[in-house]
Every structure is written in structure tokens, then in C-alpha cells.
Amino acid sequence: MRRAALAAVVGLLLASATARAQAAASAGPEITLEAFLARVIAQHPQVRQAEAARRQADADALTARGGFDPYLSAMWDTKRFKGIGYYDELDARLVLPTPWGVDFKLGWERAAGQIINPERATPTEGLLSFGVSLPIGPRILTDERRTALRQAEIAQEAADADRDAAVARVLQSAARDWGLWSEMERRARITAEGVSLARFRLEALRRRVETGDAAAIDTIEALAEVRSREVLRLDAQAAAAAARLVAEGWLWRPDGTPDRLPDGAVAAPRAMLAQETMLQDRVSGDGLRFLVARHPFVQQATARWRQAEAARRLAAVSILPSASVELSGLSAGGTLGDINPPSLSGEESKFSGNVRLPLFPRREVGRLRAAEERTRVLQLERDRVRRDVEIEAGRALLELTTVDSQLVRQESLVTLQERLLAAEQQRFAAGESTLLVVNLRERALLDERLRLAALVARRARALGTLAVATGTPQLSLGETPGRTPR
């Protein structure tokens, strides 16, 4: 009797070990959270769209910088009628704009003909000029061209922040779905192991009933336990298949077509990212202030405020009187060295100026007030976003720390439940316990393993939330593929 009881205990332990070994052998390659997220961020359409938007912002900035590119212009105008050459005029100019609102101009003009306006007349070899055009007054600080360039450069920074924000959002959602897939896969394996153990126990009981060592009613209870666990297994397998499809939805190939997980691939048993310790250290203490300032959500709000501030400064300049002057030195043909220096009192020079003074600047005042209110609104938005990011980062760090503590204790609890089940199986084999108690012990163990799987999924979600809250997906995964330095 004692030998049979010992053989039954050993058989149950071997069945449990065999079930786990078969599950491990049938499983394919393990997909870690880090490897999964790296594939997602490398090719996901949302990330690629954000990258395209960043390149578009680069193109817009290039367009704005083109407002300061040198350009060459030429005009030729001639008239002949009934054998009379009225005029033959040629005017060529090279303009060199600068980012400070000052433009340098080099020109050559020649006018000839039988009937020509005397003020247009030039020496036979033409008239060479070199001068400068500069604003006077508030427009020396900014103008439409410089404001457009400033806003385009800020838009580049905003596009970088938009891309990082897209990466962070994708990272969080993908980590959540990986965690769900991991949990459902482990739930399916645990329920399958429970079915294997219940079937083994049913067969063992049938043999004991045949030998008269157990009551026949015990086989009814064992069979009911098998059917109950089979229902749970079917439900877990369906949930795991659905979670796998959701996880596959994040995978894309470089050519833009959907990708799939390798056949038999399973989620790794723990959700880990590289440099987690560094990430958690930087969220705590003074490092949080640094991360918040560089968070993509904060940078987005800051960029919008800075663009509005640039528009406000331009509106403020437009309401004031403005003037500009152009002064050039002249020389009859020849070379640049022959040109006289520009001078207001010189004889070989030309001068022009213009002044603009709005008498009823209602349009300008309206634009200024609207720009001031928009700047004020976006400043408040920036401050609110910064505060929200600080709070979310603290919550994410607290969540991850709590889950890590729970994981340690849950793993210990699973170990204790395994020891209790082994002891109860020994008592049952020795006739000191009942099948009902053994089943209850085994159910408790399976429940604790399922809770452990749920904690692993929760940790994956916490990691994704922490990366989003800190705005540092690159810190966790390395430099994002496809990111081109500016």
C-alpha cells in the first residue's frame, strides 16, 4: 500500500514535469518585449507617417530659407517704329539678402536710343551700381521673411517632437498588446497543464478502483474536474489566438506590407527592457525635470507657443511706423573697383527711402490683440502639459515599482502553493486526504500561476506607460531605426 501511494505521488510529479516539458518543446522562439517593440518602431506606419511629416517640415524650412537665397534678375526693353529706335534699355541686378534684413545689391544698366527719357540715360558703356537696402525702425528686429523662417525652424523642432510622441504612443499600445499576448499564452499553457494533470489523475484513479484501492465515486469527481479544466483550456486557447492576432497587427515589413510572428513563437516569460535601471533612476529626483523639459508632448506645446510668440512680435512691429532706405554708389561701366562708395553727400550715388505710417491701425491692432491672446492661451497650455507630464511620470514609476514588488511576492507564493500541492498529493496517496482537497490545492496553484501571468502583462503595460510618461523610447530601445540626424 505504501509503495503504491509513493508510486502515485511520483507519477503525479512526473506528469506535471512532463506537461511543462512538452509545452516548452512545442513552443517556438521566444519574443521578448524589447525585440517586439524594436520591430514595431522600425516599420510601423504611424511612425513612418510621423517621419514623413518631419521630412515635410524640413522641406518647409528649406523653402523659408530660400527667401534669403541670392538671385539674379534682368530686364530688356526696346522699341523701334518706322525706322526710329526709340529706346533700348537693359537692366541686370544681383541681390544678396541676409538674415538680418539687410540686402546688398549689385546692378548694371544701359539705356540708349533716339527718343529716351533723360533720367534713364546712361553712359555708352553702361552704369554700374553697388548699394545696400536696410530697414529703419522696428522692422530692423523682424519682418515677414524672418518670421516665416523662424516659424519654419520651430516647426522642424515640433515635427521632431511629433515623431517622438508618435513613437511613444505606439510603444505604449504595442507594449500593452504584447503583455496581453504574453498573459494569454501563459494562461493557455497553464490550463493545458491543468488538463494533463487532471487526466493523469483520472487514469490513476481508474487503476486504483480496479484494484480496489479507491472508491468508484472518485472517478466521477476526477472526470468532472477534467471536463471543467477542458472548458477553461478551450477558452484560454481562443483568447491566446486572438491576442496573438492583435500582437501581429503591430508588425510590418520594410515594403509596407503586414508581417507575421514566426510560427510557434511565444512571448518571453518576463517583460524586460534594456537600461530599465537607468530609466527609473532618471525619472526620480532632479532627472525628472530634465526629462519633462525634453518630453515630446512638452516640446510640442512649447513649439506652438514659440510660433505664436514669433507671430505676436511681427504683429507688434506692424503696428509701429516703418521705414527703409536704399543707398548705392555709381560708376560708368568699368569694374567694381571703380564704384564710388555709397554716400548721401556724394555726387556719384543714388538714394531712395520710404516711410509707412498707419493713421487708423485698426487692422494691425486687431492682429496684435489676437496674437497676444493666442500666445497667452498656448503658454497656459504648455504649462498644463508640463505639469501633466510630471504627474504621469511619477505615477508610471510608482506603478512599475509596485508591480515589481508584487511579482517577487507572487513568484514566492507560486512556489509555496507547489509545495502545498505536493504535500497534499502525498497525503492523498497515503489515504489521509480526499480527491476534493487535492483538486482544491491544484486549482489554487493554477490560479496563482494565472495571477503571475497577469502581473507579467501588467508589467509590460507599466513599462510602456513609463516610456511614454518620460518621453524616452530611444533610451529604452536604443536609437530608433530610420531616424536621420539633423
Protein backbone atom coordinates (compact mmCIF):
# COMPACT_ATOMS: atom_id res chain seq x y z
CA MET A 1 0.00 0.00 0.00
CA ARG A 2 2.78 2.40 0.94
CA ARG A 3 4.66 1.55 -2.24
CA ALA A 4 1.56 2.18 -4.36
CA ALA A 5 0.98 5.51 -2.66
CA LEU A 6 4.57 6.57 -3.27
CA ALA A 7 4.31 5.48 -6.90
CA ALA A 8 1.16 7.59 -7.31
CA VAL A 9 2.88 10.71 -5.92
CA VAL A 10 5.90 10.21 -8.14
CA GLY A 11 3.60 9.71 -11.11
CA LEU A 12 1.78 13.00 -10.47
CA LEU A 13 5.05 14.88 -10.15
CA LEU A 14 6.33 13.29 -13.33
CA ALA A 15 3.08 14.20 -15.11
CA SER A 16 3.44 17.82 -14.08
CA ALA A 17 7.07 17.93 -15.21
CA THR A 18 6.19 16.15 -18.48
CA ALA A 19 3.39 18.60 -19.23
CA ARG A 20 5.72 21.56 -18.75
CA ALA A 21 8.46 19.95 -20.83
CA GLN A 22 6.03 19.23 -23.67
CA ALA A 23 4.76 22.81 -23.59
CA ALA A 24 8.33 24.13 -23.71
CA ALA A 25 9.29 21.74 -26.51
CA SER A 26 6.28 22.62 -28.63
CA ALA A 27 6.87 26.35 -28.22
CA GLY A 28 8.84 28.18 -30.87
CA PRO A 29 11.27 31.05 -30.41
CA GLU A 30 10.66 33.43 -27.52
CA ILE A 31 9.82 37.01 -28.48
CA THR A 32 10.99 39.44 -25.82
CA LEU A 33 9.23 42.71 -25.20
CA GLU A 34 12.32 44.63 -26.31
CA ALA A 35 12.66 42.71 -29.59
CA PHE A 36 8.93 43.06 -30.28
CA LEU A 37 8.93 46.82 -29.72
CA ALA A 38 12.08 47.27 -31.81
CA ARG A 39 10.34 45.62 -34.78
CA VAL A 40 7.22 47.69 -34.23
CA ILE A 41 9.02 51.03 -34.09
CA ALA A 42 11.23 50.20 -37.07
CA GLN A 43 8.42 49.77 -39.60
CA HIS A 44 5.03 50.73 -38.16
CA PRO A 45 3.03 53.04 -40.47
CA GLN A 46 2.28 55.57 -37.72
CA VAL A 47 6.00 56.01 -37.04
CA ARG A 48 6.76 56.23 -40.76
CA GLN A 49 3.99 58.80 -41.21
CA ALA A 50 5.49 60.90 -38.43
CA GLU A 51 8.89 60.57 -40.10
CA ALA A 52 7.37 61.73 -43.40
CA ALA A 53 5.82 64.71 -41.61
CA ARG A 54 9.24 65.54 -40.18
CA ARG A 55 10.76 65.46 -43.66
CA GLN A 56 7.95 67.73 -44.86
CA ALA A 57 8.82 70.17 -42.09
CA ASP A 58 12.43 70.04 -43.28
CA ALA A 59 11.24 70.88 -46.79
CA ASP A 60 9.15 73.79 -45.47
CA ALA A 61 12.18 75.11 -43.59
CA LEU A 62 14.23 74.83 -46.77
CA THR A 63 11.56 76.86 -48.56
CA ALA A 64 11.70 79.55 -45.87
CA ARG A 65 15.50 79.67 -46.06
CA GLY A 66 15.12 80.16 -49.80
CA GLY A 67 13.80 83.65 -49.03
CA PHE A 68 17.41 84.58 -48.23
CA ASP A 69 18.98 83.00 -51.32
CA PRO A 70 20.80 85.33 -53.73
CA TYR A 71 19.03 85.85 -57.03
CA LEU A 72 19.79 87.41 -60.39
CA SER A 73 17.23 89.37 -62.38
CA ALA A 74 17.41 91.03 -65.78
CA MET A 75 15.06 93.17 -67.89
CA TRP A 76 15.44 94.16 -71.52
CA ASP A 77 13.03 96.63 -73.07
CA THR A 78 13.35 98.01 -76.60
CA LYS A 79 11.11 99.87 -79.06
CA ARG A 80 11.53 100.55 -82.80
CA PHE A 81 8.89 102.09 -85.03
CA LYS A 82 9.14 103.31 -88.67
CA GLY A 83 12.91 103.17 -88.64
CA ILE A 84 13.26 105.09 -85.37
CA GLY A 85 14.96 103.39 -82.42
CA TYR A 86 13.04 104.98 -79.58
CA TYR A 87 14.85 103.22 -76.73
CA ASP A 88 16.90 100.13 -75.96
CA GLU A 89 17.19 99.50 -72.21
CA LEU A 90 18.90 96.69 -70.31
CA ASP A 91 18.81 96.40 -66.51
CA ALA A 92 20.50 93.48 -64.67
CA ARG A 93 20.69 93.08 -60.88
CA LEU A 94 22.23 90.67 -58.39
CA VAL A 95 20.61 90.77 -54.94
CA LEU A 96 22.24 89.25 -51.85
CA PRO A 97 19.70 89.03 -48.98
CA THR A 98 20.90 88.49 -45.41
CA PRO A 99 19.13 87.05 -42.34
CA TRP A 100 19.39 90.46 -40.64
CA GLY A 101 17.00 92.25 -43.02
CA VAL A 102 19.83 93.99 -44.93
CA ASP A 103 20.07 93.34 -48.67
CA PHE A 104 23.16 94.04 -50.80
CA LYS A 105 22.52 94.88 -54.45
CA LEU A 106 24.81 94.93 -57.47
CA GLY A 107 23.38 96.33 -60.71
CA TRP A 108 24.32 97.25 -64.27
CA GLU A 109 22.06 99.24 -66.57
CA ARG A 110 22.38 100.68 -70.04
CA ALA A 111 19.90 102.81 -71.91
CA ALA A 112 20.27 104.16 -75.47
CA GLY A 113 18.01 105.37 -78.29
CA GLN A 114 16.92 108.32 -80.32
CA ILE A 115 13.96 109.16 -78.08
CA ILE A 116 14.63 108.31 -74.43
CA ASN A 117 13.69 109.80 -71.11
CA PRO A 118 16.70 111.84 -69.98
CA GLU A 119 16.52 110.41 -66.43
CA ARG A 120 17.01 106.93 -67.91
CA ALA A 121 20.06 107.92 -69.95
CA THR A 122 23.37 106.21 -69.11
CA PRO A 123 26.92 106.43 -70.41
CA THR A 124 27.63 104.46 -73.55
CA GLU A 125 29.44 101.74 -71.57
CA GLY A 126 26.54 101.47 -69.09
CA LEU A 127 26.13 102.38 -65.43
CA LEU A 128 27.40 100.08 -62.65
CA SER A 129 25.97 100.38 -59.12
CA PHE A 130 26.54 98.74 -55.77
CA GLY A 131 24.49 99.53 -52.70
CA VAL A 132 22.63 98.40 -49.64
CA SER A 133 18.97 98.35 -48.62
CA LEU A 134 18.17 98.30 -44.92
CA PRO A 135 15.11 98.80 -42.72
CA ILE A 136 14.90 101.62 -40.20
CA GLY A 137 12.90 101.44 -37.00
CA PRO A 138 11.20 98.37 -35.50
CA ARG A 139 11.44 96.29 -38.67
CA ILE A 140 15.16 96.06 -38.12
CA LEU A 141 14.20 93.48 -35.43
CA THR A 142 11.93 91.28 -37.55
CA ASP A 143 9.83 91.19 -40.69
CA GLU A 144 7.60 88.74 -42.58
CA ARG A 145 10.52 86.95 -44.20
CA ARG A 146 12.46 86.42 -40.98
CA THR A 147 9.32 85.49 -39.06
CA ALA A 148 8.45 82.84 -41.64
CA LEU A 149 11.94 81.38 -41.32
CA ARG A 150 11.74 81.38 -37.54
CA GLN A 151 8.36 79.67 -37.57
CA ALA A 152 9.61 77.07 -40.07
CA GLU A 153 12.61 76.27 -37.86
CA ILE A 154 10.34 75.91 -34.85
CA ALA A 155 8.07 73.68 -36.95
CA GLN A 156 11.07 71.42 -37.52
CA GLU A 157 11.51 71.06 -33.77
CA ALA A 158 7.77 70.43 -33.42
CA ALA A 159 7.95 67.74 -36.11
CA ASP A 160 10.75 66.03 -34.18
CA ALA A 161 8.57 66.15 -31.08
CA ASP A 162 5.58 64.85 -33.07
CA ARG A 163 7.63 61.90 -34.25
CA ASP A 164 8.84 61.10 -30.74
CA ALA A 165 5.29 61.40 -29.47
CA ALA A 166 4.08 59.00 -32.17
CA VAL A 167 6.83 56.56 -31.21
CA ALA A 168 5.84 56.86 -27.55
CA ARG A 169 2.15 56.26 -28.25
CA VAL A 170 2.88 53.28 -30.48
CA LEU A 171 5.29 51.97 -27.88
CA GLN A 172 2.67 52.13 -25.15
CA SER A 173 -0.06 50.43 -27.19
CA ALA A 174 2.27 47.76 -28.55
CA ALA A 175 3.62 47.02 -25.06
CA ARG A 176 0.06 46.66 -23.80
CA ASP A 177 -0.84 44.20 -26.56
CA TRP A 178 2.41 42.27 -26.07
CA GLY A 179 1.54 42.00 -22.39
CA LEU A 180 -1.94 40.72 -23.23
CA TRP A 181 -0.45 38.18 -25.66
CA SER A 182 2.05 37.06 -23.02
CA GLU A 183 -0.68 36.68 -20.43
CA MET A 184 -3.00 34.74 -22.74
CA GLU A 185 -0.17 32.44 -23.91
CA ARG A 186 0.76 31.62 -20.35
CA ARG A 187 -2.88 31.17 -19.41
CA ALA A 188 -3.28 28.69 -22.29
CA ARG A 189 -0.18 26.75 -21.21
CA ILE A 190 -1.25 26.72 -17.56
CA THR A 191 -4.76 25.49 -18.37
CA ALA A 192 -3.33 22.82 -20.72
CA GLU A 193 -1.04 21.65 -17.92
CA GLY A 194 -4.05 21.52 -15.59
CA VAL A 195 -5.91 19.31 -18.08
CA SER A 196 -2.92 16.96 -18.37
CA LEU A 197 -2.67 16.61 -14.61
CA ALA A 198 -6.41 16.01 -14.22
CA ARG A 199 -6.36 13.34 -16.96
CA PHE A 200 -3.38 11.60 -15.38
CA ARG A 201 -5.14 11.60 -12.03
CA LEU A 202 -8.30 10.17 -13.63
CA GLU A 203 -6.36 7.31 -15.20
CA ALA A 204 -4.54 6.64 -11.92
CA LEU A 205 -7.83 6.56 -10.04
CA ARG A 206 -9.35 4.15 -12.53
CA ARG A 207 -6.45 1.76 -11.98
CA ARG A 208 -6.84 2.09 -8.22
CA VAL A 209 -10.58 1.42 -8.49
CA GLU A 210 -9.84 -1.71 -10.50
CA THR A 211 -7.55 -2.94 -7.72
CA GLY A 212 -10.00 -1.94 -5.00
CA ASP A 213 -7.74 0.78 -3.50
CA ALA A 214 -10.21 3.65 -4.25
CA ALA A 215 -13.96 4.23 -4.37
CA ALA A 216 -15.64 4.34 -7.78
CA ILE A 217 -17.27 7.68 -6.96
CA ASP A 218 -13.82 9.29 -7.01
CA THR A 219 -13.59 8.68 -10.77
CA ILE A 220 -16.80 10.70 -11.29
CA GLU A 221 -15.28 13.65 -9.43
CA ALA A 222 -11.99 13.27 -11.33
CA LEU A 223 -13.84 13.16 -14.68
CA ALA A 224 -15.84 16.28 -13.75
CA GLU A 225 -12.57 18.04 -12.94
CA VAL A 226 -11.18 17.04 -16.35
CA ARG A 227 -14.23 18.42 -18.17
CA SER A 228 -14.13 21.65 -16.17
CA ARG A 229 -10.48 22.20 -16.97
CA GLU A 230 -11.01 21.35 -20.63
CA VAL A 231 -13.58 24.15 -20.86
CA LEU A 232 -11.09 26.57 -19.31
CA ARG A 233 -8.39 25.38 -21.71
CA LEU A 234 -10.57 25.94 -24.78
CA ASP A 235 -11.42 29.43 -23.60
CA ALA A 236 -7.76 30.20 -22.88
CA GLN A 237 -6.63 28.86 -26.28
CA ALA A 238 -9.16 31.05 -28.10
CA ALA A 239 -8.09 34.10 -26.09
CA ALA A 240 -4.41 33.35 -26.82
CA ALA A 241 -5.10 33.04 -30.56
CA ALA A 242 -6.96 36.35 -30.55
CA ALA A 243 -4.21 38.09 -28.56
CA ARG A 244 -1.61 36.72 -30.99
CA LEU A 245 -3.52 38.23 -33.92
CA VAL A 246 -3.64 41.60 -32.14
CA ALA A 247 0.11 41.45 -31.48
CA GLU A 248 0.80 40.54 -35.11
CA GLY A 249 -1.14 43.63 -36.15
CA TRP A 250 1.79 45.76 -34.95
CA LEU A 251 4.33 44.08 -37.24
CA TRP A 252 5.11 45.45 -40.70
CA ARG A 253 7.72 44.77 -43.36
CA PRO A 254 10.00 47.46 -44.87
CA ASP A 255 7.95 47.40 -48.09
CA GLY A 256 4.83 48.44 -46.18
CA THR A 257 3.07 45.05 -46.17
CA PRO A 258 1.85 43.38 -42.96
CA ASP A 259 4.23 40.97 -41.27
CA ARG A 260 3.60 37.93 -39.07
CA LEU A 261 5.10 36.39 -35.99
CA PRO A 262 7.28 33.32 -36.59
CA ASP A 263 5.42 30.00 -36.45
CA GLY A 264 5.22 28.77 -32.89
CA ALA A 265 6.65 31.98 -31.46
CA VAL A 266 5.73 32.69 -27.85
CA ALA A 267 6.09 35.75 -25.66
CA ALA A 268 9.03 35.70 -23.27
CA PRO A 269 8.09 34.88 -19.67
CA ARG A 270 9.15 38.30 -18.34
CA ALA A 271 8.65 41.83 -19.67
CA MET A 272 12.06 43.48 -19.67
CA LEU A 273 13.65 46.42 -21.49
CA ALA A 274 17.31 47.34 -21.76
CA GLN A 275 18.57 50.07 -19.39
CA GLU A 276 15.49 49.86 -17.17
CA THR A 277 17.53 50.80 -14.12
CA MET A 278 18.86 53.91 -15.86
CA LEU A 279 15.33 54.84 -16.91
CA GLN A 280 13.95 54.52 -13.39
CA ASP A 281 16.88 56.44 -11.90
CA ARG A 282 16.40 59.32 -14.33
CA VAL A 283 12.70 59.57 -13.54
CA SER A 284 13.43 60.05 -9.85
CA GLY A 285 14.92 63.19 -8.32
CA ASP A 286 16.34 66.01 -10.44
CA GLY A 287 16.36 63.80 -13.53
CA LEU A 288 12.58 64.15 -13.79
CA ARG A 289 12.85 67.88 -14.50
CA PHE A 290 15.30 67.18 -17.33
CA LEU A 291 13.08 64.51 -18.86
CA VAL A 292 9.96 66.66 -18.60
CA ALA A 293 11.65 69.53 -20.43
CA ARG A 294 12.58 67.18 -23.29
CA HIS A 295 9.31 65.25 -23.32
CA PRO A 296 7.78 65.30 -26.83
CA PHE A 297 4.39 66.45 -25.51
CA VAL A 298 6.07 69.38 -23.74
CA GLN A 299 8.17 70.15 -26.81
CA GLN A 300 5.05 70.13 -28.99
CA ALA A 301 3.30 72.62 -26.69
CA THR A 302 6.44 74.74 -26.41
CA ALA A 303 6.91 74.84 -30.19
CA ARG A 304 3.34 76.01 -30.73
CA TRP A 305 3.82 78.73 -28.13
CA ARG A 306 7.09 79.88 -29.71
CA GLN A 307 5.47 80.06 -33.15
CA ALA A 308 2.67 82.17 -31.70
CA GLU A 309 5.24 84.38 -29.95
CA ALA A 310 7.04 84.96 -33.28
CA ALA A 311 3.73 85.96 -34.88
CA ARG A 312 3.00 88.29 -31.93
CA ARG A 313 6.33 90.07 -32.33
CA LEU A 314 5.65 90.59 -36.04
CA ALA A 315 2.17 91.97 -35.25
CA ALA A 316 3.71 94.34 -32.70
CA VAL A 317 6.21 95.57 -35.28
CA SER A 318 3.50 96.07 -37.91
CA ILE A 319 1.57 98.50 -35.71
CA LEU A 320 4.52 100.92 -35.50
CA PRO A 321 5.74 103.31 -38.22
CA SER A 322 8.25 101.65 -40.54
CA ALA A 323 10.84 102.96 -42.98
CA SER A 324 13.58 101.66 -45.23
CA VAL A 325 16.39 103.25 -47.23
CA GLU A 326 18.46 102.19 -50.20
CA LEU A 327 21.84 103.79 -50.93
CA SER A 328 24.08 102.91 -53.89
CA GLY A 329 27.38 104.11 -55.33
CA LEU A 330 27.66 104.52 -59.11
CA SER A 331 30.31 104.15 -61.76
CA ALA A 332 30.25 104.50 -65.54
CA GLY A 333 30.94 100.93 -66.74
CA GLY A 334 34.32 99.66 -65.65
CA THR A 335 34.82 97.26 -62.77
CA LEU A 336 33.62 97.04 -59.17
CA GLY A 337 36.75 98.79 -58.03
CA ASP A 338 35.69 101.90 -59.92
CA ILE A 339 32.43 102.30 -58.00
CA ASN A 340 32.33 105.23 -55.64
CA PRO A 341 31.43 104.39 -52.01
CA PRO A 342 27.75 104.98 -51.25
CA SER A 343 27.32 108.37 -49.63
CA LEU A 344 24.42 110.73 -49.01
CA SER A 345 26.61 113.71 -49.91
CA GLY A 346 28.47 112.10 -52.83
CA GLU A 347 27.79 113.08 -56.39
CA GLU A 348 28.21 109.60 -57.87
CA SER A 349 25.42 107.89 -55.91
CA LYS A 350 21.68 107.42 -55.70
CA PHE A 351 19.38 107.30 -52.68
CA SER A 352 15.77 106.28 -52.06
CA GLY A 353 13.63 105.90 -48.97
CA ASN A 354 10.08 105.10 -47.97
CA VAL A 355 8.00 105.52 -44.84
CA ARG A 356 4.78 103.80 -43.80
CA LEU A 357 2.64 105.31 -41.02
CA PRO A 358 -0.84 103.81 -40.47
CA LEU A 359 -3.27 106.58 -39.46
CA PHE A 360 -6.02 104.21 -38.29
CA PRO A 361 -4.20 100.97 -37.43
CA ARG A 362 -7.31 99.02 -36.52
CA ARG A 363 -6.31 96.04 -38.63
CA GLU A 364 -2.84 95.97 -37.08
CA VAL A 365 -4.22 96.42 -33.55
CA GLY A 366 -6.71 93.60 -34.12
CA ARG A 367 -3.97 91.29 -35.33
CA LEU A 368 -1.78 92.18 -32.35
CA ARG A 369 -4.55 91.53 -29.83
CA ALA A 370 -5.43 88.23 -31.46
CA ALA A 371 -1.76 87.20 -31.48
CA GLU A 372 -1.36 88.17 -27.81
CA GLU A 373 -4.38 86.11 -26.77
CA ARG A 374 -3.23 83.14 -28.79
CA THR A 375 0.23 83.38 -27.21
CA ARG A 376 -1.32 83.55 -23.75
CA VAL A 377 -3.52 80.51 -24.40
CA LEU A 378 -0.63 78.44 -25.72
CA GLN A 379 1.57 79.46 -22.80
CA LEU A 380 -1.08 78.18 -20.39
CA GLU A 381 -1.36 75.01 -22.47
CA ARG A 382 2.42 74.50 -22.30
CA ASP A 383 2.40 74.89 -18.50
CA ARG A 384 -0.52 72.47 -18.15
CA VAL A 385 1.13 69.85 -20.36
CA ARG A 386 4.36 70.13 -18.41
CA ARG A 387 2.51 69.58 -15.13
CA ASP A 388 0.54 66.63 -16.53
CA VAL A 389 3.74 65.00 -17.76
CA GLU A 390 5.35 65.36 -14.34
CA ILE A 391 2.37 63.71 -12.65
CA GLU A 392 2.12 60.92 -15.24
CA ALA A 393 5.83 60.14 -14.97
CA GLY A 394 5.56 59.85 -11.18
CA ARG A 395 2.51 57.59 -11.48
CA ALA A 396 4.21 55.39 -14.07
CA LEU A 397 7.29 54.96 -11.90
CA LEU A 398 5.11 54.10 -8.89
CA GLU A 399 3.17 51.57 -10.97
CA LEU A 400 6.30 49.83 -12.22
CA THR A 401 7.85 49.73 -8.74
CA THR A 402 4.64 48.29 -7.29
CA VAL A 403 4.36 45.62 -9.99
CA ASP A 404 7.98 44.57 -9.48
CA SER A 405 7.34 44.12 -5.75
CA GLN A 406 4.18 42.14 -6.45
CA LEU A 407 5.99 39.92 -8.96
CA VAL A 408 8.61 38.91 -6.39
CA ARG A 409 5.93 38.01 -3.85
CA GLN A 410 3.71 36.27 -6.41
CA GLU A 411 6.58 34.07 -7.57
CA SER A 412 7.21 33.15 -3.94
CA LEU A 413 3.51 32.42 -3.50
CA VAL A 414 3.51 30.10 -6.52
CA THR A 415 6.45 28.20 -5.03
CA LEU A 416 4.62 27.82 -1.70
CA GLN A 417 1.46 26.58 -3.46
CA GLU A 418 3.52 23.99 -5.35
CA ARG A 419 4.92 22.70 -2.06
CA LEU A 420 1.44 22.56 -0.52
CA LEU A 421 0.12 20.64 -3.52
CA ALA A 422 2.99 18.17 -3.39
CA ALA A 423 2.34 17.58 0.32
CA GLU A 424 -1.40 17.15 -0.26
CA GLN A 425 -0.74 14.65 -3.02
CA GLN A 426 1.41 12.64 -0.61
CA ARG A 427 -1.38 12.68 1.98
CA PHE A 428 -3.92 11.62 -0.65
CA ALA A 429 -1.71 8.76 -1.79
CA ALA A 430 -1.36 7.68 1.84
CA GLY A 431 -5.15 7.77 2.31
CA GLU A 432 -5.07 10.78 4.64
CA SER A 433 -6.75 13.24 2.25
CA THR A 434 -9.50 13.32 -0.35
CA LEU A 435 -9.54 13.98 -4.06
CA LEU A 436 -11.60 17.10 -3.44
CA VAL A 437 -8.87 18.65 -1.29
CA VAL A 438 -6.21 17.74 -3.86
CA ASN A 439 -8.25 19.37 -6.60
CA LEU A 440 -8.72 22.47 -4.48
CA ARG A 441 -4.96 22.68 -3.86
CA GLU A 442 -4.25 22.26 -7.56
CA ARG A 443 -6.83 24.86 -8.51
CA ALA A 444 -5.23 27.27 -6.06
CA LEU A 445 -1.85 26.67 -7.66
CA LEU A 446 -3.24 27.20 -11.16
CA ASP A 447 -4.97 30.40 -10.02
CA GLU A 448 -1.72 31.76 -8.58
CA ARG A 449 0.11 30.97 -11.81
CA LEU A 450 -2.59 32.82 -13.73
CA ARG A 451 -2.18 35.80 -11.41
CA LEU A 452 1.55 35.67 -12.07
CA ALA A 453 0.88 35.77 -15.82
CA ALA A 454 -1.43 38.76 -15.30
CA LEU A 455 1.30 40.57 -13.37
CA VAL A 456 3.75 39.96 -16.23
CA ALA A 457 1.26 41.58 -18.61
CA ARG A 458 0.73 44.43 -16.18
CA ARG A 459 4.47 44.98 -16.01
CA ALA A 460 4.65 45.25 -19.81
CA ARG A 461 1.91 47.88 -19.73
CA ALA A 462 3.74 49.72 -16.93
CA LEU A 463 6.96 49.74 -18.98
CA GLY A 464 5.17 51.19 -21.98
CA THR A 465 3.44 53.78 -19.82
CA LEU A 466 6.75 54.76 -18.21
CA ALA A 467 8.41 55.20 -21.60
CA VAL A 468 5.51 57.38 -22.75
CA ALA A 469 5.42 59.33 -19.50
CA THR A 470 9.12 60.10 -19.71
CA GLY A 471 9.16 60.54 -23.49
CA THR A 472 12.27 58.38 -23.79
CA PRO A 473 11.55 55.41 -26.09
CA GLN A 474 15.07 55.76 -27.54
CA LEU A 475 16.56 55.45 -24.04
CA SER A 476 14.87 52.08 -23.62
CA LEU A 477 15.31 50.68 -27.11
CA GLY A 478 18.38 52.47 -28.42
CA GLU A 479 18.25 54.96 -31.28
CA THR A 480 15.13 54.46 -33.30
CA PRO A 481 15.84 52.97 -36.74
CA GLY A 482 15.26 55.35 -39.62
CA ARG A 483 15.96 58.48 -37.59
CA THR A 484 18.23 60.74 -39.57
CA PRO A 485 20.22 63.30 -37.60
CA ARG A 486 19.59 66.92 -38.42
